[in-house]
């Protein structure tokens, strides 16, 4: 995973990994399984938001950002 992508994609992969981890741990514990399900719902909401925003920005925006997806601000001078 790279931080050159927008924050929404990074959040999607974080939520997806957390969902898979919680659901696999939830085999032995019902509460962890339920929390994993809630993380799965949050993952799907994030995925739908990302798809909607990418589509609107591409079709209606013509390449410019109408719906912001978040951008990382890294300065090369901060890295020493």
PDB file of N, CA and C in Angstrom:
ATOM      1  N   UNK A   1       0.854  -1.180   0.000  1.00  0.00           N
ATOM      2  CA  UNK A   1       0.000   0.000   0.000  1.00  0.00           C
ATOM      3  C   UNK A   1       0.891   1.231   0.000  1.00  0.00           C
ATOM      4  N   UNK A   2       0.558   2.176  -0.810  1.00  0.00           N
ATOM      5  CA  UNK A   2       1.358   3.378  -0.899  1.00  0.00           C
ATOM      6  C   UNK A   2       0.561   4.593  -0.447  1.00  0.00           C
ATOM      7  N   UNK A   3       1.256   5.558   0.071  1.00  0.00           N
ATOM      8  CA  UNK A   3       0.592   6.786   0.498  1.00  0.00           C
ATOM      9  C   UNK A   3       0.516   7.806  -0.621  1.00  0.00           C
ATOM     10  N   UNK A   4       0.873   7.409  -1.842  1.00  0.00           N
ATOM     11  CA  UNK A   4       0.699   8.307  -2.981  1.00  0.00           C
ATOM     12  C   UNK A   4      -0.757   8.330  -3.434  1.00  0.00           C
ATOM     13  N   UNK A   5      -1.537   7.364  -2.987  1.00  0.00           N
ATOM     14  CA  UNK A   5      -2.959   7.331  -3.301  1.00  0.00           C
ATOM     15  C   UNK A   5      -3.698   8.263  -2.348  1.00  0.00           C
ATOM     16  N   UNK A   6      -4.985   8.449  -2.589  1.00  0.00           N
ATOM     17  CA  UNK A   6      -5.736   9.347  -1.712  1.00  0.00           C
ATOM     18  C   UNK A   6      -6.091   8.662  -0.400  1.00  0.00           C
ATOM     19  N   UNK A   7      -6.545   9.463   0.542  1.00  0.00           N
ATOM     20  CA  UNK A   7      -6.822   8.958   1.891  1.00  0.00           C
ATOM     21  C   UNK A   7      -8.005   7.995   1.921  1.00  0.00           C
ATOM     22  N   UNK A   8      -8.939   8.164   1.000  1.00  0.00           N
ATOM     23  CA  UNK A   8     -10.107   7.292   0.988  1.00  0.00           C
ATOM     24  C   UNK A   8      -9.725   5.860   0.625  1.00  0.00           C
ATOM     25  N   UNK A   9      -8.819   5.696  -0.326  1.00  0.00           N
ATOM     26  CA  UNK A   9      -8.372   4.352  -0.693  1.00  0.00           C
ATOM     27  C   UNK A   9      -7.565   3.733   0.442  1.00  0.00           C
ATOM     28  N   UNK A  10      -6.730   4.520   1.079  1.00  0.00           N
ATOM     29  CA  UNK A  10      -5.960   4.003   2.221  1.00  0.00           C
ATOM     30  C   UNK A  10      -6.896   3.569   3.344  1.00  0.00           C
ATOM     31  N   UNK A  11      -7.939   4.347   3.605  1.00  0.00           N
ATOM     32  CA  UNK A  11      -8.914   3.985   4.633  1.00  0.00           C
ATOM     33  C   UNK A  11      -9.663   2.719   4.240  1.00  0.00           C
ATOM     34  N   UNK A  12      -9.964   2.568   2.950  1.00  0.00           N
ATOM     35  CA  UNK A  12     -10.656   1.377   2.489  1.00  0.00           C
ATOM     36  C   UNK A  12      -9.830   0.120   2.753  1.00  0.00           C
ATOM     37  N   UNK A  13      -8.546   0.153   2.431  1.00  0.00           N
ATOM     38  CA  UNK A  13      -7.710  -1.015   2.653  1.00  0.00           C
ATOM     39  C   UNK A  13      -7.486  -1.276   4.148  1.00  0.00           C
ATOM     40  N   UNK A  14      -7.404  -0.219   4.949  1.00  0.00           N
ATOM     41  CA  UNK A  14      -7.292  -0.403   6.401  1.00  0.00           C
ATOM     42  C   UNK A  14      -8.538  -1.082   6.952  1.00  0.00           C
ATOM     43  N   UNK A  15      -9.716  -0.590   6.552  1.00  0.00           N
ATOM     44  CA  UNK A  15     -10.962  -1.180   7.035  1.00  0.00           C
ATOM     45  C   UNK A  15     -11.127  -2.611   6.539  1.00  0.00           C
ATOM     46  N   UNK A  16     -10.718  -2.880   5.305  1.00  0.00           N
ATOM     47  CA  UNK A  16     -10.847  -4.223   4.767  1.00  0.00           C
ATOM     48  C   UNK A  16      -9.958  -5.213   5.519  1.00  0.00           C
ATOM     49  N   UNK A  17      -8.741  -4.812   5.793  1.00  0.00           N
ATOM     50  CA  UNK A  17      -7.844  -5.677   6.557  1.00  0.00           C
ATOM     51  C   UNK A  17      -8.325  -5.910   7.972  1.00  0.00           C
ATOM     52  N   UNK A  18      -8.820  -4.844   8.606  1.00  0.00           N
ATOM     53  CA  UNK A  18      -9.347  -4.969   9.962  1.00  0.00           C
ATOM     54  C   UNK A  18     -10.586  -5.856   9.990  1.00  0.00           C
ATOM     55  N   UNK A  19     -11.443  -5.716   8.980  1.00  0.00           N
ATOM     56  CA  UNK A  19     -12.640  -6.553   8.897  1.00  0.00           C
ATOM     57  C   UNK A  19     -12.269  -8.024   8.787  1.00  0.00           C
ATOM     58  N   UNK A  20     -11.344  -8.328   7.899  1.00  0.00           N
ATOM     59  CA  UNK A  20     -10.930  -9.734   7.727  1.00  0.00           C
ATOM     60  C   UNK A  20     -10.313 -10.288   9.008  1.00  0.00           C
ATOM     61  N   UNK A  21      -9.498  -9.478   9.674  1.00  0.00           N
ATOM     62  CA  UNK A  21      -8.868  -9.927  10.908  1.00  0.00           C
ATOM     63  C   UNK A  21      -9.921 -10.184  11.994  1.00  0.00           C
ATOM     64  N   UNK A  22     -10.851  -9.255  12.162  1.00  0.00           N
ATOM     65  CA  UNK A  22     -11.872  -9.417  13.200  1.00  0.00           C
ATOM     66  C   UNK A  22     -12.795 -10.594  12.906  1.00  0.00           C
ATOM     67  N   UNK A  23     -13.154 -10.791  11.638  1.00  0.00           N
ATOM     68  CA  UNK A  23     -14.023 -11.919  11.307  1.00  0.00           C
ATOM     69  C   UNK A  23     -13.315 -13.257  11.496  1.00  0.00           C
ATOM     70  N   UNK A  24     -12.011 -13.274  11.250  1.00  0.00           N
ATOM     71  CA  UNK A  24     -11.292 -14.531  11.478  1.00  0.00           C
ATOM     72  C   UNK A  24     -11.129 -14.807  12.975  1.00  0.00           C
ATOM     73  N   UNK A  25     -10.931 -13.765  13.775  1.00  0.00           N
ATOM     74  CA  UNK A  25     -10.872 -13.955  15.228  1.00  0.00           C
ATOM     75  C   UNK A  25     -12.254 -14.237  15.818  1.00  0.00           C
ATOM     76  N   UNK A  26     -13.292 -13.831  15.111  1.00  0.00           N
ATOM     77  CA  UNK A  26     -14.652 -14.002  15.601  1.00  0.00           C
ATOM     78  C   UNK A  26     -15.179 -15.410  15.524  1.00  0.00           C
ATOM     79  N   UNK A  27     -14.384 -16.327  14.988  1.00  0.00           N
ATOM     80  CA  UNK A  27     -14.813 -17.723  14.926  1.00  0.00           C
ATOM     81  C   UNK A  27     -15.007 -18.273  16.330  1.00  0.00           C
ATOM     82  N   UNK A  28     -14.210 -17.808  17.267  1.00  0.00           N
ATOM     83  CA  UNK A  28     -14.277 -18.324  18.638  1.00  0.00           C
ATOM     84  C   UNK A  28     -15.022 -17.392  19.602  1.00  0.00           C
ATOM     85  N   UNK A  29     -15.317 -16.171  19.173  1.00  0.00           N
ATOM     86  CA  UNK A  29     -15.951 -15.215  20.071  1.00  0.00           C
ATOM     87  C   UNK A  29     -17.050 -14.478  19.301  1.00  0.00           C
ATOM     88  N   UNK A  30     -18.268 -14.573  19.786  1.00  0.00           N
ATOM     89  CA  UNK A  30     -19.408 -13.983  19.086  1.00  0.00           C
ATOM     90  C   UNK A  30     -19.340 -12.458  19.061  1.00  0.00           C
ATOM     91  N   UNK A  31     -18.861 -11.837  20.132  1.00  0.00           N
ATOM     92  CA  UNK A  31     -18.794 -10.372  20.180  1.00  0.00           C
ATOM     93  C   UNK A  31     -17.782  -9.822  19.175  1.00  0.00           C
ATOM     94  N   UNK A  32     -16.649 -10.490  19.049  1.00  0.00           N
ATOM     95  CA  UNK A  32     -15.644 -10.057  18.070  1.00  0.00           C
ATOM     96  C   UNK A  32     -16.191 -10.223  16.663  1.00  0.00           C
ATOM     97  N   UNK A  33     -16.964 -11.280  16.442  1.00  0.00           N
ATOM     98  CA  UNK A  33     -17.588 -11.503  15.141  1.00  0.00           C
ATOM     99  C   UNK A  33     -18.579 -10.384  14.812  1.00  0.00           C
ATOM    100  N   UNK A  34     -19.320  -9.930  15.809  1.00  0.00           N
ATOM    101  CA  UNK A  34     -20.282  -8.850  15.597  1.00  0.00           C
ATOM    102  C   UNK A  34     -19.571  -7.534  15.277  1.00  0.00           C
ATOM    103  N   UNK A  35     -18.481  -7.255  15.987  1.00  0.00           N
ATOM    104  CA  UNK A  35     -17.696  -6.049  15.706  1.00  0.00           C
ATOM    105  C   UNK A  35     -17.109  -6.123  14.297  1.00  0.00           C
ATOM    106  N   UNK A  36     -16.676  -7.315  13.896  1.00  0.00           N
ATOM    107  CA  UNK A  36     -16.181  -7.508  12.537  1.00  0.00           C
ATOM    108  C   UNK A  36     -17.251  -7.230  11.499  1.00  0.00           C
ATOM    109  N   UNK A  37     -18.482  -7.588  11.806  1.00  0.00           N
ATOM    110  CA  UNK A  37     -19.594  -7.279  10.903  1.00  0.00           C
ATOM    111  C   UNK A  37     -19.826  -5.785  10.773  1.00  0.00           C
ATOM    112  N   UNK A  38     -19.709  -5.076  11.887  1.00  0.00           N
ATOM    113  CA  UNK A  38     -19.854  -3.618  11.828  1.00  0.00           C
ATOM    114  C   UNK A  38     -18.722  -2.982  11.023  1.00  0.00           C
ATOM    115  N   UNK A  39     -17.522  -3.515  11.179  1.00  0.00           N
ATOM    116  CA  UNK A  39     -16.415  -3.016  10.365  1.00  0.00           C
ATOM    117  C   UNK A  39     -16.649  -3.333   8.892  1.00  0.00           C
ATOM    118  N   UNK A  40     -17.289  -4.455   8.609  1.00  0.00           N
ATOM    119  CA  UNK A  40     -17.639  -4.790   7.232  1.00  0.00           C
ATOM    120  C   UNK A  40     -18.631  -3.810   6.641  1.00  0.00           C
ATOM    121  N   UNK A  41     -19.592  -3.380   7.437  1.00  0.00           N
ATOM    122  CA  UNK A  41     -20.548  -2.368   6.975  1.00  0.00           C
ATOM    123  C   UNK A  41     -19.830  -1.054   6.698  1.00  0.00           C
ATOM    124  N   UNK A  42     -18.919  -0.662   7.597  1.00  0.00           N
ATOM    125  CA  UNK A  42     -18.145   0.567   7.384  1.00  0.00           C
ATOM    126  C   UNK A  42     -17.272   0.451   6.138  1.00  0.00           C
ATOM    127  N   UNK A  43     -16.744  -0.728   5.874  1.00  0.00           N
ATOM    128  CA  UNK A  43     -15.941  -0.949   4.678  1.00  0.00           C
ATOM    129  C   UNK A  43     -16.783  -0.777   3.421  1.00  0.00           C
ATOM    130  N   UNK A  44     -17.985  -1.323   3.435  1.00  0.00           N
ATOM    131  CA  UNK A  44     -18.844  -1.201   2.258  1.00  0.00           C
ATOM    132  C   UNK A  44     -19.300   0.240   2.033  1.00  0.00           C
ATOM    133  N   UNK A  45     -19.572   0.959   3.101  1.00  0.00           N
ATOM    134  CA  UNK A  45     -19.945   2.377   2.962  1.00  0.00           C
ATOM    135  C   UNK A  45     -18.786   3.165   2.367  1.00  0.00           C
ATOM    136  N   UNK A  46     -17.577   2.891   2.849  1.00  0.00           N
ATOM    137  CA  UNK A  46     -16.393   3.570   2.317  1.00  0.00           C
ATOM    138  C   UNK A  46     -16.187   3.227   0.846  1.00  0.00           C
ATOM    139  N   UNK A  47     -16.403   1.970   0.463  1.00  0.00           N
ATOM    140  CA  UNK A  47     -16.221   1.562  -0.930  1.00  0.00           C
ATOM    141  C   UNK A  47     -17.251   2.224  -1.833  1.00  0.00           C
ATOM    142  N   UNK A  48     -18.501   2.290  -1.390  1.00  0.00           N
ATOM    143  CA  UNK A  48     -19.526   2.960  -2.191  1.00  0.00           C
ATOM    144  C   UNK A  48     -19.238   4.452  -2.316  1.00  0.00           C
ATOM    145  N   UNK A  49     -18.775   5.086  -1.232  1.00  0.00           N
ATOM    146  CA  UNK A  49     -18.425   6.501  -1.286  1.00  0.00           C
ATOM    147  C   UNK A  49     -17.284   6.742  -2.268  1.00  0.00           C
ATOM    148  N   UNK A  50     -16.281   5.886  -2.232  1.00  0.00           N
ATOM    149  CA  UNK A  50     -15.147   6.022  -3.135  1.00  0.00           C
ATOM    150  C   UNK A  50     -15.587   5.867  -4.587  1.00  0.00           C
ATOM    151  N   UNK A  51     -16.416   4.870  -4.866  1.00  0.00           N
ATOM    152  CA  UNK A  51     -16.890   4.661  -6.238  1.00  0.00           C
ATOM    153  C   UNK A  51     -17.729   5.839  -6.713  1.00  0.00           C
ATOM    154  N   UNK A  52     -18.618   6.344  -5.850  1.00  0.00           N
ATOM    155  CA  UNK A  52     -19.457   7.487  -6.202  1.00  0.00           C
ATOM    156  C   UNK A  52     -18.611   8.732  -6.455  1.00  0.00           C
ATOM    157  N   UNK A  53     -17.668   8.989  -5.584  1.00  0.00           N
ATOM    158  CA  UNK A  53     -16.838  10.190  -5.724  1.00  0.00           C
ATOM    159  C   UNK A  53     -15.952  10.110  -6.967  1.00  0.00           C
ATOM    160  N   UNK A  54     -15.371   8.948  -7.229  1.00  0.00           N
ATOM    161  CA  UNK A  54     -14.542   8.798  -8.423  1.00  0.00           C
ATOM    162  C   UNK A  54     -15.381   8.999  -9.685  1.00  0.00           C
ATOM    163  N   UNK A  55     -16.589   8.452  -9.700  1.00  0.00           N
ATOM    164  CA  UNK A  55     -17.463   8.586 -10.863  1.00  0.00           C
ATOM    165  C   UNK A  55     -17.888  10.037 -11.080  1.00  0.00           C
ATOM    166  N   UNK A  56     -18.304  10.706 -10.019  1.00  0.00           N
ATOM    167  CA  UNK A  56     -18.721  12.111 -10.137  1.00  0.00           C
ATOM    168  C   UNK A  56     -17.550  12.984 -10.551  1.00  0.00           C
ATOM    169  N   UNK A  57     -16.386  12.778  -9.956  1.00  0.00           N
ATOM    170  CA  UNK A  57     -15.227  13.590 -10.304  1.00  0.00           C
ATOM    171  C   UNK A  57     -14.804  13.370 -11.747  1.00  0.00           C
ATOM    172  N   UNK A  58     -14.936  12.146 -12.240  1.00  0.00           N
ATOM    173  CA  UNK A  58     -14.516  11.864 -13.608  1.00  0.00           C
ATOM    174  C   UNK A  58     -15.536  12.362 -14.625  1.00  0.00           C
ATOM    175  N   UNK A  59     -16.819  12.108 -14.379  1.00  0.00           N
ATOM    176  CA  UNK A  59     -17.844  12.448 -15.357  1.00  0.00           C
ATOM    177  C   UNK A  59     -18.223  13.926 -15.293  1.00  0.00           C
ATOM    178  N   UNK A  60     -18.556  14.405 -14.123  1.00  0.00           N
ATOM    179  CA  UNK A  60     -19.018  15.783 -13.995  1.00  0.00           C
ATOM    180  C   UNK A  60     -17.875  16.784 -13.844  1.00  0.00           C
ATOM    181  N   UNK A  61     -16.809  16.349 -13.218  1.00  0.00           N
ATOM    182  CA  UNK A  61     -15.700  17.262 -12.971  1.00  0.00           C
ATOM    183  C   UNK A  61     -14.718  17.355 -14.126  1.00  0.00           C
ATOM    184  N   UNK A  62     -14.729  16.368 -14.988  1.00  0.00           N
ATOM    185  CA  UNK A  62     -13.797  16.391 -16.103  1.00  0.00           C
ATOM    186  C   UNK A  62     -12.344  16.322 -15.661  1.00  0.00           C
ATOM    187  N   UNK A  63     -12.060  15.622 -14.592  1.00  0.00           N
ATOM    188  CA  UNK A  63     -10.695  15.488 -14.112  1.00  0.00           C
ATOM    189  C   UNK A  63     -10.407  16.288 -12.849  1.00  0.00           C
ATOM    190  N   UNK A  64     -11.175  17.332 -12.586  1.00  0.00           N
ATOM    191  CA  UNK A  64     -10.936  18.095 -11.351  1.00  0.00           C
ATOM    192  C   UNK A  64     -11.787  17.510 -10.233  1.00  0.00           C
ATOM    193  N   UNK A  65     -11.409  17.798  -9.013  1.00  0.00           N
ATOM    194  CA  UNK A  65     -12.076  17.215  -7.858  1.00  0.00           C
ATOM    195  C   UNK A  65     -13.283  18.028  -7.438  1.00  0.00           C
ATOM    196  N   UNK A  66     -14.462  17.474  -7.622  1.00  0.00           N
ATOM    197  CA  UNK A  66     -15.691  18.081  -7.110  1.00  0.00           C
ATOM    198  C   UNK A  66     -15.940  17.565  -5.692  1.00  0.00           C
ATOM    199  N   UNK A  67     -15.811  16.249  -5.528  1.00  0.00           N
ATOM    200  CA  UNK A  67     -15.922  15.618  -4.210  1.00  0.00           C
ATOM    201  C   UNK A  67     -14.510  15.281  -3.750  1.00  0.00           C
ATOM    202  N   UNK A  68     -14.052  15.893  -2.674  1.00  0.00           N
ATOM    203  CA  UNK A  68     -12.668  15.633  -2.241  1.00  0.00           C
ATOM    204  C   UNK A  68     -12.507  14.229  -1.670  1.00  0.00           C
ATOM    205  N   UNK A  69     -11.382  13.614  -2.006  1.00  0.00           N
ATOM    206  CA  UNK A  69     -11.067  12.270  -1.522  1.00  0.00           C
ATOM    207  C   UNK A  69      -9.931  12.280  -0.517  1.00  0.00           C
ATOM    208  N   UNK A  70      -9.363  13.421  -0.260  1.00  0.00           N
ATOM    209  CA  UNK A  70      -8.269  13.539   0.699  1.00  0.00           C
ATOM    210  C   UNK A  70      -6.933  13.312   0.024  1.00  0.00           C
ATOM    211  N   UNK A  71      -6.025  14.189   0.276  1.00  0.00           N
ATOM    212  CA  UNK A  71      -4.702  14.083  -0.318  1.00  0.00           C
ATOM    213  C   UNK A  71      -3.660  14.170   0.787  1.00  0.00           C
ATOM    214  N   UNK A  72      -2.631  13.345   0.691  1.00  0.00           N
ATOM    215  CA  UNK A  72      -1.542  13.373   1.662  1.00  0.00           C
ATOM    216  C   UNK A  72      -0.631  14.544   1.340  1.00  0.00           C
ATOM    217  N   UNK A  73      -0.215  15.263   2.348  1.00  0.00           N
ATOM    218  CA  UNK A  73       0.702  16.391   2.172  1.00  0.00           C
ATOM    219  C   UNK A  73       2.046  16.053   2.802  1.00  0.00           C
ATOM    220  N   UNK A  74       2.929  15.521   1.986  1.00  0.00           N
ATOM    221  CA  UNK A  74       4.268  15.192   2.438  1.00  0.00           C
ATOM    222  C   UNK A  74       5.252  16.131   1.771  1.00  0.00           C
ATOM    223  N   UNK A  75       6.102  16.731   2.559  1.00  0.00           N
ATOM    224  CA  UNK A  75       7.164  17.567   2.016  1.00  0.00           C
ATOM    225  C   UNK A  75       8.455  16.761   1.991  1.00  0.00           C
ATOM    226  N   UNK A  76       9.164  16.842   0.908  1.00  0.00           N
ATOM    227  CA  UNK A  76      10.421  16.114   0.809  1.00  0.00           C
ATOM    228  C   UNK A  76      11.477  16.692   1.751  1.00  0.00           C
ATOM    229  N   UNK A  77      11.338  17.948   2.134  1.00  0.00           N
ATOM    230  CA  UNK A  77      12.312  18.570   2.987  1.00  0.00           C
ATOM    231  C   UNK A  77      12.205  18.090   4.433  1.00  0.00           C
ATOM    232  N   UNK A  78      11.028  17.531   4.786  1.00  0.00           N
ATOM    233  CA  UNK A  78      10.847  17.011   6.148  1.00  0.00           C
ATOM    234  C   UNK A  78      11.612  15.722   6.367  1.00  0.00           C
ATOM    235  N   UNK A  79      11.900  15.003   5.305  1.00  0.00           N
ATOM    236  CA  UNK A  79      12.619  13.731   5.416  1.00  0.00           C
ATOM    237  C   UNK A  79      14.124  13.988   5.372  1.00  0.00           C
ATOM    238  N   UNK A  80      14.777  13.604   6.424  1.00  0.00           N
ATOM    239  CA  UNK A  80      16.234  13.806   6.470  1.00  0.00           C
ATOM    240  C   UNK A  80      16.906  12.481   6.721  1.00  0.00           C
TER     241      UNK A  80
END
